[in-house]
């Protein structure tokens, strides 16, 4: 007869603090994105991000958590925890045996909130608010929740294959990046792209800095305990972000002749993205290499590849999150070591090709599933109610036409 799970006060405190840090990331993202758009559209970005906090938290409590983490089959969970029935103060041994079940649930809720919020970055300045609400709920239900269950659910298919995704390389980063690219292709390009859109760089840097701060809870909190794995994730997260910032700035300097603040903070985010699946499985020296590589990869993705193909991934959700998430999963398959986390596996560098194959399988499956699911959702909504505002409303700005508000009192 097994020993009953016992709540650990330190673990509980750390996970609750981490949930708060991840919650902060959504307002931080709002300001990070808000500074990049034209000033006539900043409130629309803030509204969309805060709307994610409202509608997704409710949807998560009503049905989302049960379908994502309840036992069902390999692809979707069941209905045992609808309305959070049975999700209380006692631990759940399948996920986090030393903290209250409700603490695990709310920590995961914040992941569910920010993932659709990141997609906004590909669709800014032209997405109708009513369509955004429908899209967000549909995408959460039919794309995010199944991928979450497959990767993290107790009986999930990819989890049963041995996939290593510590804090959301597939579930969050590839998922939102690919969705952003697909939805942006269906939505079409913005009007007036021949003019700069970034209107407040200090706001971007402030938002980016707060994202870095919140990401420490995002990654280190995913240990679900105040232990050595959490400490390792905290260290590797910082090192990858720093390395990617240096890498992006260096490549930009060599390419254009000047390093920019905008490029440097973009490098920070790319480094945070790439280390997300790996942070609890790799050593600090691997984290530095992961960050150095993604800084250069993401720079060329947003400065060269996007220009070559001409898609309007407006704020580079795909170029940073999609590309970074995919590299992060591959890097996990290369650099993972049980010396960091005995619950993980050794990667390719330690002679384990199986881990590398599993990581590649999970990354590719997420790309295909997300792309197909997002395309269907966007197509249906576009035909039903339309995804895009009218050209007149787009030119006037979404702050006034969608929300009848103005961010600044000065003339536009």
Protein backbone atom coordinates (compact mmCIF):
# COMPACT_ATOMS: atom_id res chain seq x y z
CA UNK A 1 0.00 0.00 0.00
CA UNK A 2 1.52 3.34 -1.13
CA UNK A 3 2.18 6.31 1.08
CA UNK A 4 -0.37 9.12 0.74
CA UNK A 5 0.99 12.30 -0.88
CA UNK A 6 2.04 14.99 1.62
CA UNK A 7 1.94 18.72 0.88
CA UNK A 8 5.30 20.47 1.10
CA UNK A 9 5.06 24.14 2.12
CA UNK A 10 8.17 25.19 0.22
CA UNK A 11 7.08 23.51 -3.00
CA UNK A 12 3.61 25.01 -2.70
CA UNK A 13 4.94 28.52 -2.10
CA UNK A 14 7.29 28.27 -5.09
CA UNK A 15 4.61 27.04 -7.48
CA UNK A 16 2.13 29.73 -6.37
CA UNK A 17 4.79 32.42 -6.78
CA UNK A 18 5.64 30.99 -10.18
CA UNK A 19 1.97 31.06 -11.18
CA UNK A 20 1.94 34.75 -10.30
CA UNK A 21 5.09 35.32 -12.37
CA UNK A 22 3.55 33.57 -15.38
CA UNK A 23 0.37 35.61 -14.94
CA UNK A 24 2.53 38.78 -15.09
CA UNK A 25 3.83 37.67 -18.47
CA UNK A 26 0.52 38.37 -20.19
CA UNK A 27 0.38 42.09 -19.21
CA UNK A 28 4.12 42.22 -19.98
CA UNK A 29 3.42 40.79 -23.43
CA UNK A 30 0.71 43.41 -23.90
CA UNK A 31 3.22 46.22 -23.43
CA UNK A 32 5.94 44.41 -25.38
CA UNK A 33 3.61 44.10 -28.36
CA UNK A 34 1.88 47.43 -27.72
CA UNK A 35 5.04 49.43 -28.20
CA UNK A 36 5.66 47.81 -31.60
CA UNK A 37 2.40 48.84 -33.22
CA UNK A 38 1.21 52.25 -34.36
CA UNK A 39 -0.11 54.33 -31.50
CA UNK A 40 -3.65 54.17 -32.89
CA UNK A 41 -3.66 50.42 -32.15
CA UNK A 42 -1.97 50.04 -28.76
CA UNK A 43 -5.18 49.80 -26.72
CA UNK A 44 -6.45 47.07 -29.03
CA UNK A 45 -3.35 45.01 -28.17
CA UNK A 46 -3.80 45.63 -24.45
CA UNK A 47 -7.46 44.71 -24.70
CA UNK A 48 -6.76 41.46 -26.54
CA UNK A 49 -4.11 40.37 -24.03
CA UNK A 50 -6.27 41.18 -21.02
CA UNK A 51 -9.24 39.51 -22.70
CA UNK A 52 -7.16 36.33 -22.78
CA UNK A 53 -6.79 36.56 -19.02
CA UNK A 54 -10.55 36.87 -18.65
CA UNK A 55 -12.02 34.38 -21.08
CA UNK A 56 -9.32 31.71 -20.95
CA UNK A 57 -9.18 31.56 -17.16
CA UNK A 58 -12.93 30.97 -17.14
CA UNK A 59 -12.80 28.42 -19.95
CA UNK A 60 -9.91 26.63 -18.23
CA UNK A 61 -11.91 26.32 -15.02
CA UNK A 62 -15.13 25.23 -16.72
CA UNK A 63 -13.76 22.59 -19.11
CA UNK A 64 -10.19 23.28 -20.24
CA UNK A 65 -8.26 21.84 -17.33
CA UNK A 66 -10.29 18.64 -17.31
CA UNK A 67 -9.79 18.06 -21.04
CA UNK A 68 -6.08 18.90 -20.86
CA UNK A 69 -5.07 16.95 -17.75
CA UNK A 70 -7.92 14.60 -16.91
CA UNK A 71 -7.54 10.97 -17.87
CA UNK A 72 -9.17 10.11 -21.18
CA UNK A 73 -7.20 8.72 -24.11
CA UNK A 74 -3.87 9.51 -25.71
CA UNK A 75 -5.19 12.59 -27.50
CA UNK A 76 -7.68 14.29 -25.17
CA UNK A 77 -8.63 14.13 -21.51
CA UNK A 78 -11.97 13.37 -19.93
CA UNK A 79 -14.69 15.19 -18.03
CA UNK A 80 -13.91 14.24 -14.43
CA UNK A 81 -12.81 17.74 -13.42
CA UNK A 82 -15.43 19.88 -15.20
CA UNK A 83 -15.97 23.09 -13.27
CA UNK A 84 -12.91 22.10 -11.20
CA UNK A 85 -15.00 19.49 -9.42
CA UNK A 86 -12.53 17.39 -7.45
CA UNK A 87 -9.66 19.87 -7.92
CA UNK A 88 -9.04 20.94 -4.37
CA UNK A 89 -6.42 21.18 -1.66
CA UNK A 90 -5.27 17.56 -1.75
CA UNK A 91 -2.32 16.75 -4.07
CA UNK A 92 -2.70 14.82 -7.30
CA UNK A 93 -0.06 12.10 -7.54
CA UNK A 94 -0.11 12.01 -11.35
CA UNK A 95 1.29 15.53 -11.67
CA UNK A 96 2.54 17.15 -8.46
CA UNK A 97 2.38 15.02 -5.30
CA UNK A 98 3.76 17.69 -2.95
CA UNK A 99 1.46 20.64 -3.73
CA UNK A 100 -2.32 21.14 -3.71
CA UNK A 101 -4.04 20.04 -6.90
CA UNK A 102 -5.51 23.53 -7.21
CA UNK A 103 -1.97 25.03 -7.22
CA UNK A 104 -0.98 22.83 -10.16
CA UNK A 105 -4.21 23.72 -11.96
CA UNK A 106 -3.76 27.51 -11.64
CA UNK A 107 -0.10 27.30 -12.64
CA UNK A 108 -1.11 25.49 -15.83
CA UNK A 109 -3.94 27.98 -16.36
CA UNK A 110 -1.41 30.77 -16.82
CA UNK A 111 0.29 28.78 -19.60
CA UNK A 112 -3.07 28.38 -21.30
CA UNK A 113 -3.61 32.16 -21.06
CA UNK A 114 -0.34 33.36 -22.53
CA UNK A 115 -0.11 30.91 -25.43
CA UNK A 116 -3.04 32.33 -27.45
CA UNK A 117 -1.93 35.82 -26.39
CA UNK A 118 1.39 35.31 -28.19
CA UNK A 119 -0.51 34.57 -31.42
CA UNK A 120 -1.80 38.16 -31.31
CA UNK A 121 1.66 39.29 -32.39
CA UNK A 122 1.13 37.87 -35.87
CA UNK A 123 -2.31 39.44 -36.32
CA UNK A 124 -2.07 42.98 -34.95
CA UNK A 125 -3.69 46.10 -36.41
CA UNK A 126 -6.30 44.27 -38.50
CA UNK A 127 -7.98 41.55 -36.38
CA UNK A 128 -11.65 42.18 -35.58
CA UNK A 129 -12.21 41.94 -31.83
CA UNK A 130 -15.32 39.77 -32.07
CA UNK A 131 -13.47 37.36 -34.36
CA UNK A 132 -10.51 37.41 -31.98
CA UNK A 133 -12.70 36.24 -29.10
CA UNK A 134 -14.20 33.37 -31.09
CA UNK A 135 -10.82 32.40 -32.54
CA UNK A 136 -9.13 32.39 -29.14
CA UNK A 137 -11.71 30.11 -27.52
CA UNK A 138 -11.84 27.79 -30.52
CA UNK A 139 -8.06 27.58 -30.76
CA UNK A 140 -7.72 26.91 -27.04
CA UNK A 141 -10.28 24.10 -27.29
CA UNK A 142 -9.24 22.36 -30.47
CA UNK A 143 -5.49 23.04 -30.71
CA UNK A 144 -3.92 24.01 -27.38
CA UNK A 145 -5.77 21.56 -25.13
CA UNK A 146 -5.14 18.43 -27.28
CA UNK A 147 -1.44 19.25 -27.69
CA UNK A 148 -1.19 19.96 -23.95
CA UNK A 149 -2.81 16.62 -23.13
CA UNK A 150 -0.69 14.67 -25.60
CA UNK A 151 2.57 16.13 -24.23
CA UNK A 152 1.82 16.60 -20.51
CA UNK A 153 -1.31 14.57 -19.75
CA UNK A 154 -0.85 11.50 -17.57
CA UNK A 155 -2.03 9.26 -20.42
CA UNK A 156 -0.95 11.52 -23.30
CA UNK A 157 0.35 9.91 -26.48
CA UNK A 158 3.55 11.95 -26.83
CA UNK A 159 4.25 11.65 -23.12
CA UNK A 160 4.01 7.88 -23.48
CA UNK A 161 6.63 8.09 -26.25
CA UNK A 162 9.04 9.68 -23.76
CA UNK A 163 8.97 13.27 -25.04
CA UNK A 164 10.90 15.80 -22.97
CA UNK A 165 9.21 19.22 -22.90
CA UNK A 166 9.98 20.80 -19.57
CA UNK A 167 8.02 24.05 -19.86
CA UNK A 168 6.34 24.15 -23.25
CA UNK A 169 8.52 23.97 -26.36
CA UNK A 170 5.71 22.14 -28.19
CA UNK A 171 2.76 23.02 -26.00
CA UNK A 172 3.43 26.77 -25.96
CA UNK A 173 6.16 27.94 -28.33
CA UNK A 174 5.83 25.89 -31.53
CA UNK A 175 2.06 25.91 -31.05
CA UNK A 176 1.65 29.69 -30.89
CA UNK A 177 4.34 30.42 -33.47
CA UNK A 178 2.90 28.15 -36.15
CA UNK A 179 -0.65 29.32 -35.36
CA UNK A 180 0.45 32.92 -35.78
CA UNK A 181 2.01 32.26 -39.17
CA UNK A 182 -0.97 30.30 -40.50
CA UNK A 183 -3.54 32.79 -39.23
CA UNK A 184 -1.56 35.73 -40.61
CA UNK A 185 -1.48 34.15 -44.06
CA UNK A 186 -5.26 33.74 -43.97
CA UNK A 187 -5.81 37.23 -42.56
CA UNK A 188 -3.57 38.94 -45.11
CA UNK A 189 -1.11 41.81 -44.87
CA UNK A 190 -1.71 45.07 -43.04
CA UNK A 191 -2.38 48.30 -44.89
CA UNK A 192 0.49 50.80 -44.91
CA UNK A 193 3.43 48.50 -44.26
CA UNK A 194 5.66 50.96 -46.14
CA UNK A 195 5.62 53.10 -42.97
CA UNK A 196 7.19 52.21 -39.59
CA UNK A 197 4.79 50.74 -37.04
CA UNK A 198 6.93 50.73 -33.87
CA UNK A 199 5.90 53.78 -31.86
CA UNK A 200 7.36 53.35 -28.34
CA UNK A 201 10.61 51.43 -27.99
CA UNK A 202 11.01 52.02 -24.22
CA UNK A 203 7.61 50.34 -23.77
CA UNK A 204 8.87 47.36 -25.78
CA UNK A 205 11.99 47.09 -23.61
CA UNK A 206 9.96 47.37 -20.40
CA UNK A 207 7.60 44.65 -21.57
CA UNK A 208 10.52 42.49 -22.66
CA UNK A 209 12.26 42.90 -19.32
CA UNK A 210 9.11 41.89 -17.46
CA UNK A 211 8.75 38.89 -19.75
CA UNK A 212 12.28 37.83 -18.80
CA UNK A 213 11.39 38.20 -15.13
CA UNK A 214 8.13 36.26 -15.50
CA UNK A 215 9.83 33.55 -17.57
CA UNK A 216 11.80 32.50 -14.50
CA UNK A 217 8.51 31.32 -13.00
CA UNK A 218 7.44 29.89 -16.33
CA UNK A 219 10.52 27.66 -16.58
CA UNK A 220 11.81 27.11 -13.04
CA UNK A 221 8.25 26.77 -11.72
CA UNK A 222 7.74 23.84 -14.08
CA UNK A 223 9.85 21.73 -11.74
CA UNK A 224 6.73 21.90 -9.53
CA UNK A 225 9.00 21.84 -6.50
CA UNK A 226 11.62 24.02 -4.83
CA UNK A 227 14.52 21.72 -5.66
CA UNK A 228 17.72 21.35 -7.64
CA UNK A 229 15.94 20.94 -10.97
CA UNK A 230 14.16 24.26 -10.40
CA UNK A 231 17.49 25.91 -9.61
CA UNK A 232 19.03 24.48 -12.77
CA UNK A 233 16.08 25.73 -14.84
CA UNK A 234 16.45 29.18 -13.28
CA UNK A 235 20.15 29.29 -14.20
CA UNK A 236 19.82 27.88 -17.72
CA UNK A 237 16.92 30.22 -18.50
CA UNK A 238 19.01 33.28 -17.65
CA UNK A 239 22.08 32.05 -19.50
CA UNK A 240 20.21 31.24 -22.70
CA UNK A 241 18.50 34.64 -22.68
CA UNK A 242 21.81 36.42 -22.15
CA UNK A 243 23.58 34.41 -24.86
CA UNK A 244 20.81 35.01 -27.39
CA UNK A 245 20.80 38.75 -26.66
CA UNK A 246 24.54 38.89 -27.33
CA UNK A 247 24.24 36.67 -30.41
CA UNK A 248 21.40 38.68 -31.99
CA UNK A 249 23.16 42.00 -31.32
CA UNK A 250 26.45 40.67 -32.69
CA UNK A 251 24.93 39.31 -35.90
CA UNK A 252 22.92 42.51 -36.35
CA UNK A 253 26.07 44.57 -35.83
CA UNK A 254 27.99 42.54 -38.43
CA UNK A 255 25.08 42.62 -40.88
CA UNK A 256 23.81 46.20 -40.63
CA UNK A 257 26.70 48.02 -39.01
CA UNK A 258 24.87 48.82 -35.77
CA UNK A 259 23.49 46.81 -32.83
CA UNK A 260 20.03 47.99 -31.77
CA UNK A 261 18.08 47.93 -28.53
CA UNK A 262 15.12 46.46 -30.37
CA UNK A 263 17.27 43.64 -31.70
CA UNK A 264 18.85 42.98 -28.33
CA UNK A 265 15.54 42.65 -26.48
CA UNK A 266 14.24 40.48 -29.32
CA UNK A 267 17.27 38.25 -28.79
CA UNK A 268 16.42 37.96 -25.11
CA UNK A 269 12.94 36.67 -25.95
CA UNK A 270 14.33 34.25 -28.52
CA UNK A 271 16.72 32.83 -25.93
CA UNK A 272 13.93 32.42 -23.41
CA UNK A 273 11.81 30.61 -25.97
CA UNK A 274 14.54 28.21 -27.05
CA UNK A 275 15.51 27.14 -23.54
CA UNK A 276 11.90 26.55 -22.47
CA UNK A 277 11.69 22.83 -23.35
CA UNK A 278 15.29 22.15 -22.32
CA UNK A 279 15.83 24.17 -19.12
CA UNK A 280 15.16 21.29 -16.73
CA UNK A 281 17.17 18.74 -18.69
CA UNK A 282 20.41 20.45 -19.84
CA UNK A 283 23.52 21.84 -18.20
CA UNK A 284 24.39 25.57 -18.14
CA UNK A 285 27.05 25.25 -20.87
CA UNK A 286 24.45 23.72 -23.20
CA UNK A 287 22.05 26.58 -22.39
CA UNK A 288 24.67 29.10 -23.53
CA UNK A 289 25.08 27.27 -26.83
CA UNK A 290 21.29 27.02 -27.27
CA UNK A 291 21.01 30.78 -26.79
CA UNK A 292 23.88 31.63 -29.13
CA UNK A 293 22.36 29.56 -31.92
CA UNK A 294 18.81 30.88 -31.60
CA UNK A 295 19.93 34.51 -31.51
CA UNK A 296 21.36 34.11 -35.00
CA UNK A 297 18.57 31.85 -36.28
CA UNK A 298 15.78 34.18 -35.19
CA UNK A 299 17.58 37.24 -36.52
CA UNK A 300 17.79 35.75 -39.99
CA UNK A 301 14.25 34.43 -39.74
CA UNK A 302 12.76 37.88 -39.13
CA UNK A 303 15.19 39.95 -41.20
CA UNK A 304 15.71 37.72 -44.24
CA UNK A 305 13.28 34.81 -44.52
CA UNK A 306 10.18 36.89 -43.74
CA UNK A 307 11.22 39.50 -46.28
CA UNK A 308 11.96 36.89 -48.91
CA UNK A 309 8.57 35.17 -48.64
CA UNK A 310 6.63 38.36 -47.94
CA UNK A 311 4.30 37.14 -45.18
CA UNK A 312 3.12 39.60 -42.54
CA UNK A 313 4.00 37.83 -39.30
CA UNK A 314 3.57 41.28 -37.85
CA UNK A 315 5.54 41.11 -34.58
CA UNK A 316 7.42 37.91 -35.41
CA UNK A 317 5.55 35.37 -33.31
CA UNK A 318 6.64 32.72 -35.79
CA UNK A 319 10.18 34.00 -36.31
CA UNK A 320 10.88 34.05 -32.58
CA UNK A 321 8.48 31.58 -30.94
CA UNK A 322 7.97 29.08 -33.75
CA UNK A 323 11.61 28.91 -34.81
CA UNK A 324 12.86 29.14 -31.22
CA UNK A 325 10.50 26.44 -29.98
CA UNK A 326 11.51 24.05 -32.75
CA UNK A 327 15.22 24.59 -32.13
CA UNK A 328 14.63 24.19 -28.40
CA UNK A 329 13.01 20.79 -28.86
CA UNK A 330 15.84 19.64 -31.15
CA UNK A 331 18.42 20.98 -28.69
CA UNK A 332 16.74 19.07 -25.87
CA UNK A 333 17.15 15.89 -27.89
CA UNK A 334 20.83 16.70 -28.34
CA UNK A 335 21.92 18.00 -24.94
CA UNK A 336 19.60 16.38 -22.36
CA UNK A 337 21.31 14.54 -19.53
CA UNK A 338 20.07 12.55 -16.58
CA UNK A 339 22.87 14.13 -14.56
CA UNK A 340 20.62 17.21 -14.41
CA UNK A 341 17.28 15.46 -14.16
CA UNK A 342 17.06 11.70 -13.47
CA UNK A 343 13.40 11.81 -14.55
CA UNK A 344 14.49 12.84 -18.05
CA UNK A 345 16.77 11.00 -20.48
CA UNK A 346 20.17 11.31 -22.07
CA UNK A 347 20.29 12.98 -25.46
CA UNK A 348 22.18 12.48 -28.69
CA UNK A 349 25.52 13.72 -27.34
CA UNK A 350 25.43 10.94 -24.77
CA UNK A 351 24.66 8.32 -27.40
CA UNK A 352 20.87 8.19 -27.13
CA UNK A 353 19.42 8.62 -30.61
CA UNK A 354 15.95 7.63 -29.34
CA UNK A 355 15.58 10.87 -27.38
CA UNK A 356 16.52 12.94 -30.42
CA UNK A 357 14.00 11.06 -32.60
CA UNK A 358 11.25 11.54 -30.02
CA UNK A 359 11.90 15.27 -29.76
CA UNK A 360 11.89 15.63 -33.54
CA UNK A 361 8.66 13.60 -33.77
CA UNK A 362 6.94 15.78 -31.18
CA UNK A 363 8.09 19.03 -32.81
CA UNK A 364 7.02 17.96 -36.31
CA UNK A 365 3.70 16.57 -35.12
CA UNK A 366 2.94 19.84 -33.31
CA UNK A 367 3.71 21.84 -36.46
CA UNK A 368 1.38 19.73 -38.60
CA UNK A 369 -1.46 19.45 -36.09
CA UNK A 370 -1.35 23.13 -35.16
CA UNK A 371 -1.13 24.32 -38.77
CA UNK A 372 -4.10 22.19 -39.84
CA UNK A 373 -6.22 23.01 -36.79
CA UNK A 374 -5.51 26.73 -36.98
CA UNK A 375 -6.25 26.87 -40.69
CA UNK A 376 -9.63 25.19 -40.25
CA UNK A 377 -10.59 27.43 -37.33
CA UNK A 378 -9.53 30.64 -39.10
CA UNK A 379 -11.24 29.64 -42.35
CA UNK A 380 -14.55 28.81 -40.65
CA UNK A 381 -14.58 32.02 -38.60
CA UNK A 382 -13.67 34.10 -41.64
CA UNK A 383 -16.58 32.64 -43.59
CA UNK A 384 -19.00 32.97 -40.66
CA UNK A 385 -18.31 36.45 -39.26
CA UNK A 386 -15.14 37.68 -40.95
CA UNK A 387 -11.70 37.87 -39.38
CA UNK A 388 -10.66 41.31 -40.50
CA UNK A 389 -11.87 44.84 -39.89
CA UNK A 390 -12.84 46.99 -42.86
CA UNK A 391 -10.10 48.96 -44.65
CA UNK A 392 -11.61 52.18 -43.30
CA UNK A 393 -11.50 50.92 -39.73
CA UNK A 394 -7.96 49.65 -40.18
CA UNK A 395 -6.78 53.02 -41.44
CA UNK A 396 -8.50 54.84 -38.57
CA UNK A 397 -7.09 52.43 -36.03
CA UNK A 398 -8.52 49.66 -33.88
CA UNK A 399 -8.46 51.67 -30.65
CA UNK A 400 -11.25 53.91 -31.89
CA UNK A 401 -13.11 51.59 -34.24
CA UNK A 402 -13.14 48.50 -32.02
CA UNK A 403 -13.11 50.00 -28.52
CA UNK A 404 -13.99 53.71 -28.89
CA UNK A 405 -10.92 54.71 -26.87
CA UNK A 406 -7.71 56.62 -27.52
CA UNK A 407 -4.42 55.85 -25.76
CA UNK A 408 -2.96 59.32 -26.16
CA UNK A 409 -4.62 62.71 -25.99
CA UNK A 410 -2.39 64.22 -28.68
CA UNK A 411 -3.54 64.21 -32.30
CA UNK A 412 -2.87 61.03 -34.21
